[in-house]
Protein backbone atom coordinates (compact mmCIF):
# COMPACT_ATOMS: atom_id res chain seq x y z
CA MET A 1 -181.53 -187.63 -23.76
CA PRO A 2 -179.39 -188.34 -20.64
CA ASP A 3 -178.75 -185.34 -18.35
CA ASN A 4 -175.04 -185.12 -19.23
CA ASP A 5 -175.94 -184.83 -22.93
CA LYS A 6 -178.31 -181.92 -22.23
CA ALA A 7 -175.46 -179.77 -20.95
CA SER A 8 -173.49 -180.30 -24.15
CA ALA A 9 -176.60 -179.52 -26.20
CA GLY A 10 -176.95 -176.14 -24.49
CA PHE A 11 -179.70 -176.94 -21.98
CA GLY A 12 -179.48 -176.00 -18.29
CA GLN A 13 -180.60 -177.97 -15.27
CA ALA A 14 -184.31 -177.32 -15.85
CA ASN A 15 -184.16 -178.18 -19.59
CA ARG A 16 -184.22 -174.49 -20.55
CA PRO A 17 -182.16 -173.25 -23.48
CA PHE A 18 -178.83 -171.68 -22.48
CA VAL A 19 -178.84 -167.86 -22.64
CA SER A 20 -175.45 -166.13 -22.67
CA GLY A 21 -176.54 -162.49 -22.67
CA VAL A 22 -174.20 -161.83 -25.61
CA GLU A 23 -175.69 -160.72 -28.92
CA PRO A 24 -174.33 -160.44 -32.47
CA GLY A 25 -172.65 -157.10 -33.07
CA GLN A 26 -171.46 -156.66 -29.49
CA PHE A 27 -167.77 -156.26 -28.72
CA VAL A 28 -166.24 -158.65 -26.20
CA ARG A 29 -162.93 -159.75 -24.68
CA HIS A 30 -161.79 -163.24 -23.77
CA PRO A 31 -160.96 -163.21 -20.03
CA THR A 32 -157.82 -165.38 -20.31
CA GLN A 33 -156.61 -164.30 -23.77
CA PRO A 34 -156.07 -160.51 -23.58
CA ASP A 35 -153.56 -160.68 -26.46
CA TRP A 36 -156.46 -161.58 -28.79
CA GLY A 37 -157.75 -158.01 -28.43
CA ASP A 38 -161.38 -157.00 -28.68
CA GLY A 39 -163.69 -159.16 -30.74
CA GLN A 40 -167.04 -158.63 -32.41
CA VAL A 41 -169.69 -161.30 -31.89
CA GLN A 42 -170.70 -162.75 -35.26
CA SER A 43 -173.31 -165.30 -34.16
CA VAL A 44 -174.83 -166.90 -31.07
CA ILE A 45 -176.39 -170.35 -31.29
CA GLY A 46 -177.19 -171.80 -27.88
CA SER A 47 -173.92 -171.82 -25.94
CA ARG A 48 -171.78 -171.49 -29.09
CA ILE A 49 -170.58 -167.97 -29.80
CA THR A 50 -168.55 -167.08 -32.89
CA VAL A 51 -166.31 -164.06 -32.33
CA ASN A 52 -163.98 -162.29 -34.75
CA PHE A 53 -161.03 -161.11 -32.60
CA GLU A 54 -158.59 -158.37 -33.69
CA HIS A 55 -155.47 -160.52 -33.33
CA ALA A 56 -156.80 -164.09 -33.34
CA GLY A 57 -159.38 -164.03 -36.12
CA LYS A 58 -162.58 -166.04 -35.98
CA VAL A 59 -162.91 -168.18 -32.83
CA LEU A 60 -165.77 -170.45 -31.71
CA ILE A 61 -166.37 -169.96 -27.97
CA ASN A 62 -168.25 -172.37 -25.70
CA ALA A 63 -170.11 -170.03 -23.33
CA LEU A 64 -170.57 -172.90 -20.86
CA VAL A 65 -166.79 -172.77 -20.36
CA VAL A 66 -165.80 -169.16 -21.13
CA ASN A 67 -167.55 -166.08 -19.73
CA LEU A 68 -166.82 -163.41 -22.34
CA GLN A 69 -166.50 -159.85 -21.05
CA ILE A 70 -168.68 -157.31 -22.85
CA VAL A 71 -166.70 -154.21 -23.86
CA GLY A 72 -168.26 -150.80 -23.19
């Protein structure tokens, strides 16, 4: 797998799986979408995080692009 494909597959520079630090059940906020309100993490698979936001519904977040803020 070429190096640029590894990033999209969720692997870092040393071929380690991406770890976001966010876990299902936690409440988070999107740093550039405050109008979405708080969201509860539904699932985390590699760098893909599914969050159910108060005012935006279910959103798939790429944690390689967006650094979600943990609430509380």
